Amino acid sequence: MKRTHVSLYYLIGYLIPGGIALLTFPQFTLKLFFSNTDYGDVLPRFVGMLMLALGIIVLQAVRHRFQGRSRCP
């Protein structure tokens, strides 16, 4: 397995659980992230939705073994 795919597992490993945590329990998750500011409920849930969507996109790229194009022949 290439190093690129292995490094993407780390990205998936914090985007998807972090996104789900921010969507379901935003105040508790922000306390876990050592935040000392009140952001309300809308902004953390929006960020959680974006994190989850980005995690799913990266997961699909790894699952389909996306190789990308190289410019060098």
N, C-alpha and C. Protein backbone atom coordinates (compact mmCIF):
# COMPACT_ATOMS: atom_id res chain seq x y z
N MET A 1 0.85 -1.17 0.00
CA MET A 1 0.00 0.00 0.00
C MET A 1 0.90 1.24 0.00
N LYS A 2 0.56 2.17 -0.83
CA LYS A 2 1.38 3.37 -0.94
C LYS A 2 1.22 4.25 0.29
N ARG A 3 2.25 5.05 0.52
CA ARG A 3 2.22 5.95 1.69
C ARG A 3 1.11 6.99 1.59
N THR A 4 0.75 7.37 0.38
CA THR A 4 -0.30 8.37 0.21
C THR A 4 -1.62 7.85 0.76
N HIS A 5 -1.96 6.61 0.46
CA HIS A 5 -3.20 6.04 0.96
C HIS A 5 -3.17 5.90 2.48
N VAL A 6 -2.05 5.54 3.01
CA VAL A 6 -1.94 5.39 4.47
C VAL A 6 -2.08 6.74 5.15
N SER A 7 -1.51 7.78 4.57
CA SER A 7 -1.62 9.10 5.19
C SER A 7 -3.04 9.64 5.10
N LEU A 8 -3.79 9.22 4.09
CA LEU A 8 -5.18 9.66 3.98
C LEU A 8 -6.08 9.00 5.03
N TYR A 9 -5.69 7.84 5.54
CA TYR A 9 -6.46 7.21 6.61
C TYR A 9 -6.44 8.07 7.87
N TYR A 10 -5.34 8.75 8.12
CA TYR A 10 -5.26 9.66 9.26
C TYR A 10 -6.25 10.81 9.08
N LEU A 11 -6.30 11.35 7.88
CA LEU A 11 -7.23 12.43 7.58
C LEU A 11 -8.67 11.98 7.75
N ILE A 12 -9.00 10.80 7.26
CA ILE A 12 -10.34 10.25 7.42
C ILE A 12 -10.63 10.02 8.90
N GLY A 13 -9.62 9.59 9.64
CA GLY A 13 -9.79 9.24 11.05
C GLY A 13 -10.14 10.40 11.95
N TYR A 14 -9.81 11.62 11.55
CA TYR A 14 -10.25 12.72 12.40
C TYR A 14 -11.35 13.56 11.76
N LEU A 15 -11.51 13.54 10.44
CA LEU A 15 -12.58 14.32 9.82
C LEU A 15 -13.96 13.73 10.09
N ILE A 16 -14.11 12.43 9.90
CA ILE A 16 -15.43 11.83 10.05
C ILE A 16 -15.88 11.80 11.51
N PRO A 17 -15.08 11.29 12.46
CA PRO A 17 -15.55 11.34 13.86
C PRO A 17 -15.70 12.76 14.39
N GLY A 18 -14.81 13.66 14.00
CA GLY A 18 -14.92 15.05 14.44
C GLY A 18 -16.17 15.72 13.89
N GLY A 19 -16.49 15.44 12.64
CA GLY A 19 -17.69 15.99 12.03
C GLY A 19 -18.95 15.47 12.67
N ILE A 20 -18.98 14.16 12.96
CA ILE A 20 -20.15 13.58 13.62
C ILE A 20 -20.30 14.14 15.03
N ALA A 21 -19.18 14.29 15.73
CA ALA A 21 -19.24 14.83 17.10
C ALA A 21 -19.73 16.27 17.10
N LEU A 22 -19.26 17.09 16.16
CA LEU A 22 -19.72 18.47 16.11
C LEU A 22 -21.18 18.58 15.70
N LEU A 23 -21.65 17.65 14.87
CA LEU A 23 -23.06 17.66 14.48
C LEU A 23 -23.97 17.25 15.62
N THR A 24 -23.55 16.28 16.42
CA THR A 24 -24.45 15.75 17.44
C THR A 24 -24.32 16.46 18.78
N PHE A 25 -23.10 16.72 19.23
CA PHE A 25 -22.87 17.35 20.53
C PHE A 25 -21.90 18.52 20.38
N PRO A 26 -22.35 19.66 19.84
CA PRO A 26 -21.40 20.74 19.53
C PRO A 26 -20.73 21.34 20.77
N GLN A 27 -21.47 21.59 21.83
CA GLN A 27 -20.87 22.23 23.01
C GLN A 27 -19.87 21.30 23.70
N PHE A 28 -20.23 20.03 23.83
CA PHE A 28 -19.33 19.06 24.47
C PHE A 28 -18.06 18.87 23.64
N THR A 29 -18.21 18.83 22.32
CA THR A 29 -17.05 18.65 21.44
C THR A 29 -16.13 19.85 21.51
N LEU A 30 -16.69 21.04 21.59
CA LEU A 30 -15.85 22.23 21.70
C LEU A 30 -15.09 22.24 23.03
N LYS A 31 -15.71 21.72 24.09
CA LYS A 31 -14.98 21.59 25.36
C LYS A 31 -13.82 20.61 25.22
N LEU A 32 -14.04 19.52 24.47
CA LEU A 32 -12.96 18.56 24.23
C LEU A 32 -11.83 19.18 23.42
N PHE A 33 -12.17 20.13 22.54
CA PHE A 33 -11.18 20.81 21.72
C PHE A 33 -10.55 21.99 22.46
N PHE A 34 -10.82 22.14 23.74
CA PHE A 34 -10.27 23.20 24.60
C PHE A 34 -10.65 24.61 24.12
N SER A 35 -11.87 24.76 23.65
CA SER A 35 -12.33 26.08 23.23
C SER A 35 -12.86 26.83 24.44
N ASN A 36 -12.50 28.10 24.57
CA ASN A 36 -12.98 28.89 25.69
C ASN A 36 -13.92 30.01 25.24
N THR A 37 -14.42 29.91 24.01
CA THR A 37 -15.34 30.90 23.45
C THR A 37 -16.66 30.22 23.11
N ASP A 38 -17.75 30.95 23.28
CA ASP A 38 -19.06 30.41 22.95
C ASP A 38 -19.37 30.72 21.49
N TYR A 39 -19.54 29.70 20.67
CA TYR A 39 -19.84 29.87 19.26
C TYR A 39 -21.32 29.63 18.97
N GLY A 40 -22.11 29.33 19.96
CA GLY A 40 -23.51 29.00 19.73
C GLY A 40 -23.62 27.57 19.24
N ASP A 41 -24.71 27.26 18.58
CA ASP A 41 -24.90 25.91 18.04
C ASP A 41 -24.81 25.84 16.53
N VAL A 42 -25.05 26.95 15.85
CA VAL A 42 -25.12 26.92 14.39
C VAL A 42 -23.74 26.74 13.76
N LEU A 43 -22.77 27.55 14.16
CA LEU A 43 -21.45 27.49 13.55
C LEU A 43 -20.76 26.14 13.76
N PRO A 44 -20.74 25.56 14.98
CA PRO A 44 -20.11 24.25 15.12
C PRO A 44 -20.81 23.15 14.32
N ARG A 45 -22.13 23.22 14.22
CA ARG A 45 -22.84 22.21 13.42
C ARG A 45 -22.53 22.36 11.93
N PHE A 46 -22.40 23.60 11.48
CA PHE A 46 -22.04 23.84 10.08
C PHE A 46 -20.63 23.33 9.78
N VAL A 47 -19.70 23.61 10.68
CA VAL A 47 -18.33 23.12 10.51
C VAL A 47 -18.30 21.60 10.57
N GLY A 48 -19.12 21.01 11.44
CA GLY A 48 -19.22 19.55 11.51
C GLY A 48 -19.74 18.96 10.22
N MET A 49 -20.71 19.63 9.61
CA MET A 49 -21.25 19.15 8.34
C MET A 49 -20.18 19.21 7.26
N LEU A 50 -19.41 20.30 7.23
CA LEU A 50 -18.33 20.41 6.25
C LEU A 50 -17.24 19.37 6.48
N MET A 51 -16.89 19.14 7.75
CA MET A 51 -15.87 18.13 8.06
C MET A 51 -16.34 16.74 7.64
N LEU A 52 -17.59 16.43 7.90
CA LEU A 52 -18.13 15.13 7.53
C LEU A 52 -18.16 14.96 6.01
N ALA A 53 -18.57 15.99 5.29
CA ALA A 53 -18.61 15.91 3.82
C ALA A 53 -17.21 15.73 3.25
N LEU A 54 -16.24 16.48 3.77
CA LEU A 54 -14.87 16.35 3.28
C LEU A 54 -14.30 14.97 3.62
N GLY A 55 -14.62 14.45 4.79
CA GLY A 55 -14.18 13.12 5.16
C GLY A 55 -14.75 12.05 4.24
N ILE A 56 -16.01 12.20 3.86
CA ILE A 56 -16.63 11.23 2.96
C ILE A 56 -16.00 11.31 1.57
N ILE A 57 -15.68 12.51 1.10
CA ILE A 57 -15.02 12.66 -0.20
C ILE A 57 -13.65 11.99 -0.19
N VAL A 58 -12.88 12.20 0.87
CA VAL A 58 -11.56 11.57 0.97
C VAL A 58 -11.71 10.05 1.09
N LEU A 59 -12.70 9.60 1.85
CA LEU A 59 -12.94 8.16 1.98
C LEU A 59 -13.26 7.53 0.63
N GLN A 60 -14.06 8.20 -0.18
CA GLN A 60 -14.39 7.67 -1.50
C GLN A 60 -13.17 7.67 -2.41
N ALA A 61 -12.33 8.68 -2.29
CA ALA A 61 -11.10 8.71 -3.10
C ALA A 61 -10.18 7.55 -2.74
N VAL A 62 -10.08 7.23 -1.46
CA VAL A 62 -9.25 6.10 -1.04
C VAL A 62 -9.90 4.79 -1.45
N ARG A 63 -11.21 4.71 -1.30
CA ARG A 63 -11.92 3.46 -1.62
C ARG A 63 -11.82 3.13 -3.10
N HIS A 64 -11.88 4.15 -3.94
CA HIS A 64 -11.79 3.91 -5.38
C HIS A 64 -10.36 3.97 -5.90
N ARG A 65 -9.41 4.09 -4.98
CA ARG A 65 -7.98 4.15 -5.32
C ARG A 65 -7.69 5.20 -6.37
N PHE A 66 -8.15 6.44 -6.09
CA PHE A 66 -7.96 7.57 -7.00
C PHE A 66 -6.46 7.82 -7.14
N GLN A 67 -5.99 7.90 -8.38
CA GLN A 67 -4.56 8.05 -8.63
C GLN A 67 -4.19 9.44 -9.08
N GLY A 68 -5.08 10.19 -9.63
CA GLY A 68 -4.73 11.52 -10.10
C GLY A 68 -3.80 11.44 -11.31
N ARG A 69 -3.66 12.53 -12.01
CA ARG A 69 -2.80 12.56 -13.18
C ARG A 69 -1.44 13.13 -12.82
N SER A 70 -0.42 12.54 -13.32
CA SER A 70 0.90 13.11 -13.15
C SER A 70 1.30 13.78 -14.46
N ARG A 71 2.01 14.88 -14.38
CA ARG A 71 2.40 15.61 -15.58
C ARG A 71 3.68 15.05 -16.19
N CYS A 72 4.40 14.26 -15.43
CA CYS A 72 5.64 13.69 -15.96
C CYS A 72 5.33 12.43 -16.73
N PRO A 73 5.83 12.29 -17.96
CA PRO A 73 5.55 11.07 -18.75
C PRO A 73 6.32 9.88 -18.27
